[in-house]
Amino acid sequence: MDDDDSEYQQAAQRADRATRRAWSTIAWTTGALGCTLITIALLCTAAAVACLYAVAASHY
């Protein structure tokens, strides 16, 4: 009976570690994707402002 209990405990610990690792990976990936999307949005905004400036400058 003790062998069954220890196997159960080991399996529970492995599952807990795997769950924590998965959540850590999800959090890191979400953060990286969020930073990437913010960077793309900033670059697109800068490009749009530069285009508007170029168009406005060409009319004067």
PDB file of N, CA and C in Angstrom:
ATOM      1  N   MET A   1       0.820  -1.183   0.000  1.00  0.00           N
ATOM      2  CA  MET A   1       0.000   0.000   0.000  1.00  0.00           C
ATOM      3  C   MET A   1       0.875   1.263   0.000  1.00  0.00           C
ATOM      4  N   ASP A   2       1.996   1.220   0.707  1.00  0.00           N
ATOM      5  CA  ASP A   2       2.881   2.374   0.755  1.00  0.00           C
ATOM      6  C   ASP A   2       3.474   2.667  -0.619  1.00  0.00           C
ATOM      7  N   ASP A   3       3.737   1.614  -1.401  1.00  0.00           N
ATOM      8  CA  ASP A   3       4.269   1.815  -2.745  1.00  0.00           C
ATOM      9  C   ASP A   3       3.258   2.567  -3.614  1.00  0.00           C
ATOM     10  N   ASP A   4       1.996   2.203  -3.481  1.00  0.00           N
ATOM     11  CA  ASP A   4       0.955   2.890  -4.243  1.00  0.00           C
ATOM     12  C   ASP A   4       0.867   4.354  -3.846  1.00  0.00           C
ATOM     13  N   ASP A   5       0.964   4.611  -2.540  1.00  0.00           N
ATOM     14  CA  ASP A   5       0.907   5.997  -2.058  1.00  0.00           C
ATOM     15  C   ASP A   5       2.094   6.809  -2.562  1.00  0.00           C
ATOM     16  N   SER A   6       3.279   6.226  -2.516  1.00  0.00           N
ATOM     17  CA  SER A   6       4.460   6.966  -2.958  1.00  0.00           C
ATOM     18  C   SER A   6       4.416   7.195  -4.474  1.00  0.00           C
ATOM     19  N   GLU A   7       3.934   6.219  -5.217  1.00  0.00           N
ATOM     20  CA  GLU A   7       3.783   6.417  -6.668  1.00  0.00           C
ATOM     21  C   GLU A   7       2.774   7.514  -6.963  1.00  0.00           C
ATOM     22  N   TYR A   8       1.694   7.518  -6.193  1.00  0.00           N
ATOM     23  CA  TYR A   8       0.672   8.562  -6.367  1.00  0.00           C
ATOM     24  C   TYR A   8       1.262   9.941  -6.065  1.00  0.00           C
ATOM     25  N   GLN A   9       2.033  10.018  -4.971  1.00  0.00           N
ATOM     26  CA  GLN A   9       2.657  11.295  -4.597  1.00  0.00           C
ATOM     27  C   GLN A   9       3.628  11.764  -5.679  1.00  0.00           C
ATOM     28  N   GLN A  10       4.423  10.843  -6.210  1.00  0.00           N
ATOM     29  CA  GLN A  10       5.373  11.209  -7.260  1.00  0.00           C
ATOM     30  C   GLN A  10       4.644  11.670  -8.518  1.00  0.00           C
ATOM     31  N   ALA A  11       3.574  10.976  -8.867  1.00  0.00           N
ATOM     32  CA  ALA A  11       2.795  11.374 -10.048  1.00  0.00           C
ATOM     33  C   ALA A  11       2.153  12.741  -9.832  1.00  0.00           C
ATOM     34  N   ALA A  12       1.662  12.979  -8.639  1.00  0.00           N
ATOM     35  CA  ALA A  12       1.049  14.277  -8.333  1.00  0.00           C
ATOM     36  C   ALA A  12       2.087  15.391  -8.398  1.00  0.00           C
ATOM     37  N   GLN A  13       3.297  15.135  -7.911  1.00  0.00           N
ATOM     38  CA  GLN A  13       4.357  16.137  -7.964  1.00  0.00           C
ATOM     39  C   GLN A  13       4.779  16.416  -9.402  1.00  0.00           C
ATOM     40  N   ARG A  14       4.890  15.359 -10.220  1.00  0.00           N
ATOM     41  CA  ARG A  14       5.241  15.556 -11.635  1.00  0.00           C
ATOM     42  C   ARG A  14       4.171  16.363 -12.349  1.00  0.00           C
ATOM     43  N   ALA A  15       2.910  16.055 -12.065  1.00  0.00           N
ATOM     44  CA  ALA A  15       1.816  16.795 -12.691  1.00  0.00           C
ATOM     45  C   ALA A  15       1.835  18.257 -12.254  1.00  0.00           C
ATOM     46  N   ASP A  16       2.123  18.497 -10.986  1.00  0.00           N
ATOM     47  CA  ASP A  16       2.189  19.866 -10.488  1.00  0.00           C
ATOM     48  C   ASP A  16       3.320  20.637 -11.159  1.00  0.00           C
ATOM     49  N   ARG A  17       4.494  20.016 -11.292  1.00  0.00           N
ATOM     50  CA  ARG A  17       5.622  20.673 -11.962  1.00  0.00           C
ATOM     51  C   ARG A  17       5.293  20.951 -13.423  1.00  0.00           C
ATOM     52  N   ALA A  18       4.668  19.999 -14.087  1.00  0.00           N
ATOM     53  CA  ALA A  18       4.313  20.188 -15.500  1.00  0.00           C
ATOM     54  C   ALA A  18       3.300  21.321 -15.654  1.00  0.00           C
ATOM     55  N   THR A  19       2.351  21.403 -14.727  1.00  0.00           N
ATOM     56  CA  THR A  19       1.351  22.468 -14.788  1.00  0.00           C
ATOM     57  C   THR A  19       2.001  23.827 -14.585  1.00  0.00           C
ATOM     58  N   ARG A  20       2.898  23.922 -13.599  1.00  0.00           N
ATOM     59  CA  ARG A  20       3.585  25.195 -13.362  1.00  0.00           C
ATOM     60  C   ARG A  20       4.440  25.590 -14.556  1.00  0.00           C
ATOM     61  N   ARG A  21       5.116  24.611 -15.160  1.00  0.00           N
ATOM     62  CA  ARG A  21       5.947  24.890 -16.329  1.00  0.00           C
ATOM     63  C   ARG A  21       5.086  25.365 -17.499  1.00  0.00           C
ATOM     64  N   ALA A  22       3.930  24.746 -17.669  1.00  0.00           N
ATOM     65  CA  ALA A  22       3.033  25.141 -18.758  1.00  0.00           C
ATOM     66  C   ALA A  22       2.525  26.565 -18.553  1.00  0.00           C
ATOM     67  N   TRP A  23       2.120  26.900 -17.337  1.00  0.00           N
ATOM     68  CA  TRP A  23       1.637  28.262 -17.072  1.00  0.00           C
ATOM     69  C   TRP A  23       2.749  29.273 -17.243  1.00  0.00           C
ATOM     70  N   SER A  24       3.948  28.917 -16.856  1.00  0.00           N
ATOM     71  CA  SER A  24       5.093  29.812 -17.034  1.00  0.00           C
ATOM     72  C   SER A  24       5.344  30.060 -18.520  1.00  0.00           C
ATOM     73  N   THR A  25       5.270  29.008 -19.307  1.00  0.00           N
ATOM     74  CA  THR A  25       5.464  29.138 -20.752  1.00  0.00           C
ATOM     75  C   THR A  25       4.367  29.992 -21.368  1.00  0.00           C
ATOM     76  N   ILE A  26       3.138  29.771 -20.951  1.00  0.00           N
ATOM     77  CA  ILE A  26       2.017  30.558 -21.468  1.00  0.00           C
ATOM     78  C   ILE A  26       2.202  32.030 -21.120  1.00  0.00           C
ATOM     79  N   ALA A  27       2.582  32.310 -19.887  1.00  0.00           N
ATOM     80  CA  ALA A  27       2.774  33.701 -19.459  1.00  0.00           C
ATOM     81  C   ALA A  27       3.894  34.361 -20.252  1.00  0.00           C
ATOM     82  N   TRP A  28       5.011  33.654 -20.430  1.00  0.00           N
ATOM     83  CA  TRP A  28       6.136  34.216 -21.176  1.00  0.00           C
ATOM     84  C   TRP A  28       5.744  34.484 -22.625  1.00  0.00           C
ATOM     85  N   THR A  29       5.065  33.521 -23.243  1.00  0.00           N
ATOM     86  CA  THR A  29       4.657  33.670 -24.637  1.00  0.00           C
ATOM     87  C   THR A  29       3.683  34.825 -24.808  1.00  0.00           C
ATOM     88  N   THR A  30       2.722  34.920 -23.891  1.00  0.00           N
ATOM     89  CA  THR A  30       1.753  36.015 -23.959  1.00  0.00           C
ATOM     90  C   THR A  30       2.461  37.355 -23.812  1.00  0.00           C
ATOM     91  N   GLY A  31       3.394  37.436 -22.899  1.00  0.00           N
ATOM     92  CA  GLY A  31       4.153  38.672 -22.715  1.00  0.00           C
ATOM     93  C   GLY A  31       4.971  39.026 -23.940  1.00  0.00           C
ATOM     94  N   ALA A  32       5.622  38.040 -24.523  1.00  0.00           N
ATOM     95  CA  ALA A  32       6.434  38.285 -25.718  1.00  0.00           C
ATOM     96  C   ALA A  32       5.560  38.722 -26.887  1.00  0.00           C
ATOM     97  N   LEU A  33       4.414  38.067 -27.056  1.00  0.00           N
ATOM     98  CA  LEU A  33       3.514  38.457 -28.138  1.00  0.00           C
ATOM     99  C   LEU A  33       2.951  39.851 -27.905  1.00  0.00           C
ATOM    100  N   GLY A  34       2.629  40.156 -26.663  1.00  0.00           N
ATOM    101  CA  GLY A  34       2.122  41.487 -26.342  1.00  0.00           C
ATOM    102  C   GLY A  34       3.145  42.564 -26.661  1.00  0.00           C
ATOM    103  N   CYS A  35       4.386  42.342 -26.285  1.00  0.00           N
ATOM    104  CA  CYS A  35       5.449  43.308 -26.586  1.00  0.00           C
ATOM    105  C   CYS A  35       5.636  43.452 -28.090  1.00  0.00           C
ATOM    106  N   THR A  36       5.562  42.350 -28.794  1.00  0.00           N
ATOM    107  CA  THR A  36       5.703  42.398 -30.248  1.00  0.00           C
ATOM    108  C   THR A  36       4.575  43.195 -30.881  1.00  0.00           C
ATOM    109  N   LEU A  37       3.354  42.971 -30.440  1.00  0.00           N
ATOM    110  CA  LEU A  37       2.216  43.716 -30.992  1.00  0.00           C
ATOM    111  C   LEU A  37       2.315  45.204 -30.680  1.00  0.00           C
ATOM    112  N   ILE A  38       2.757  45.549 -29.481  1.00  0.00           N
ATOM    113  CA  ILE A  38       2.931  46.959 -29.133  1.00  0.00           C
ATOM    114  C   ILE A  38       4.008  47.585 -30.012  1.00  0.00           C
ATOM    115  N   THR A  39       5.100  46.878 -30.234  1.00  0.00           N
ATOM    116  CA  THR A  39       6.176  47.382 -31.077  1.00  0.00           C
ATOM    117  C   THR A  39       5.687  47.608 -32.504  1.00  0.00           C
ATOM    118  N   ILE A  40       4.930  46.643 -33.037  1.00  0.00           N
ATOM    119  CA  ILE A  40       4.397  46.786 -34.389  1.00  0.00           C
ATOM    120  C   ILE A  40       3.450  47.982 -34.462  1.00  0.00           C
ATOM    121  N   ALA A  41       2.600  48.140 -33.456  1.00  0.00           N
ATOM    122  CA  ALA A  41       1.673  49.274 -33.442  1.00  0.00           C
ATOM    123  C   ALA A  41       2.430  50.595 -33.412  1.00  0.00           C
ATOM    124  N   LEU A  42       3.482  50.675 -32.611  1.00  0.00           N
ATOM    125  CA  LEU A  42       4.271  51.911 -32.551  1.00  0.00           C
ATOM    126  C   LEU A  42       4.973  52.197 -33.873  1.00  0.00           C
ATOM    127  N   LEU A  43       5.521  51.158 -34.493  1.00  0.00           N
ATOM    128  CA  LEU A  43       6.194  51.349 -35.783  1.00  0.00           C
ATOM    129  C   LEU A  43       5.206  51.780 -36.868  1.00  0.00           C
ATOM    130  N   CYS A  44       4.021  51.185 -36.872  1.00  0.00           N
ATOM    131  CA  CYS A  44       3.008  51.567 -37.858  1.00  0.00           C
ATOM    132  C   CYS A  44       2.549  53.004 -37.629  1.00  0.00           C
ATOM    133  N   THR A  45       2.402  53.389 -36.381  1.00  0.00           N
ATOM    134  CA  THR A  45       2.016  54.769 -36.067  1.00  0.00           C
ATOM    135  C   THR A  45       3.092  55.740 -36.540  1.00  0.00           C
ATOM    136  N   ALA A  46       4.346  55.409 -36.276  1.00  0.00           N
ATOM    137  CA  ALA A  46       5.448  56.268 -36.710  1.00  0.00           C
ATOM    138  C   ALA A  46       5.483  56.369 -38.235  1.00  0.00           C
ATOM    139  N   ALA A  47       5.253  55.254 -38.914  1.00  0.00           N
ATOM    140  CA  ALA A  47       5.245  55.273 -40.381  1.00  0.00           C
ATOM    141  C   ALA A  47       4.088  56.119 -40.902  1.00  0.00           C
ATOM    142  N   ALA A  48       2.922  56.018 -40.284  1.00  0.00           N
ATOM    143  CA  ALA A  48       1.762  56.806 -40.707  1.00  0.00           C
ATOM    144  C   ALA A  48       2.022  58.297 -40.504  1.00  0.00           C
ATOM    145  N   VAL A  49       2.604  58.651 -39.369  1.00  0.00           N
ATOM    146  CA  VAL A  49       2.925  60.060 -39.110  1.00  0.00           C
ATOM    147  C   VAL A  49       3.948  60.560 -40.125  1.00  0.00           C
ATOM    148  N   ALA A  50       4.951  59.744 -40.432  1.00  0.00           N
ATOM    149  CA  ALA A  50       5.959  60.141 -41.418  1.00  0.00           C
ATOM    150  C   ALA A  50       5.325  60.341 -42.793  1.00  0.00           C
ATOM    151  N   CYS A  51       4.398  59.478 -43.160  1.00  0.00           N
ATOM    152  CA  CYS A  51       3.716  59.624 -44.454  1.00  0.00           C
ATOM    153  C   CYS A  51       2.873  60.895 -44.481  1.00  0.00           C
ATOM    154  N   LEU A  52       2.143  61.150 -43.423  1.00  0.00           N
ATOM    155  CA  LEU A  52       1.346  62.374 -43.357  1.00  0.00           C
ATOM    156  C   LEU A  52       2.226  63.612 -43.424  1.00  0.00           C
ATOM    157  N   TYR A  53       3.342  63.567 -42.757  1.00  0.00           N
ATOM    158  CA  TYR A  53       4.281  64.685 -42.783  1.00  0.00           C
ATOM    159  C   TYR A  53       4.820  64.878 -44.196  1.00  0.00           C
ATOM    160  N   ALA A  54       5.167  63.773 -44.873  1.00  0.00           N
ATOM    161  CA  ALA A  54       5.696  63.874 -46.230  1.00  0.00           C
ATOM    162  C   ALA A  54       4.654  64.431 -47.184  1.00  0.00           C
ATOM    163  N   VAL A  55       3.420  63.999 -47.042  1.00  0.00           N
ATOM    164  CA  VAL A  55       2.348  64.494 -47.890  1.00  0.00           C
ATOM    165  C   VAL A  55       2.089  65.976 -47.626  1.00  0.00           C
ATOM    166  N   ALA A  56       2.052  66.342 -46.341  1.00  0.00           N
ATOM    167  CA  ALA A  56       1.840  67.748 -46.000  1.00  0.00           C
ATOM    168  C   ALA A  56       3.008  68.618 -46.499  1.00  0.00           C
ATOM    169  N   ALA A  57       4.221  68.114 -46.377  1.00  0.00           N
ATOM    170  CA  ALA A  57       5.399  68.890 -46.804  1.00  0.00           C
ATOM    171  C   ALA A  57       5.423  69.045 -48.323  1.00  0.00           C
ATOM    172  N   SER A  58       4.912  68.069 -49.037  1.00  0.00           N
ATOM    173  CA  SER A  58       4.945  68.161 -50.501  1.00  0.00           C
ATOM    174  C   SER A  58       3.935  69.157 -51.038  1.00  0.00           C
ATOM    175  N   HIS A  59       2.972  69.540 -50.243  1.00  0.00           N
ATOM    176  CA  HIS A  59       1.944  70.497 -50.688  1.00  0.00           C
ATOM    177  C   HIS A  59       2.352  71.939 -50.403  1.00  0.00           C
ATOM    178  N   TYR A  60       3.440  72.152 -49.678  1.00  0.00           N
ATOM    179  CA  TYR A  60       3.840  73.516 -49.354  1.00  0.00           C
ATOM    180  C   TYR A  60       5.165  73.853 -49.953  1.00  0.00           C
TER     181      TYR A  60
END
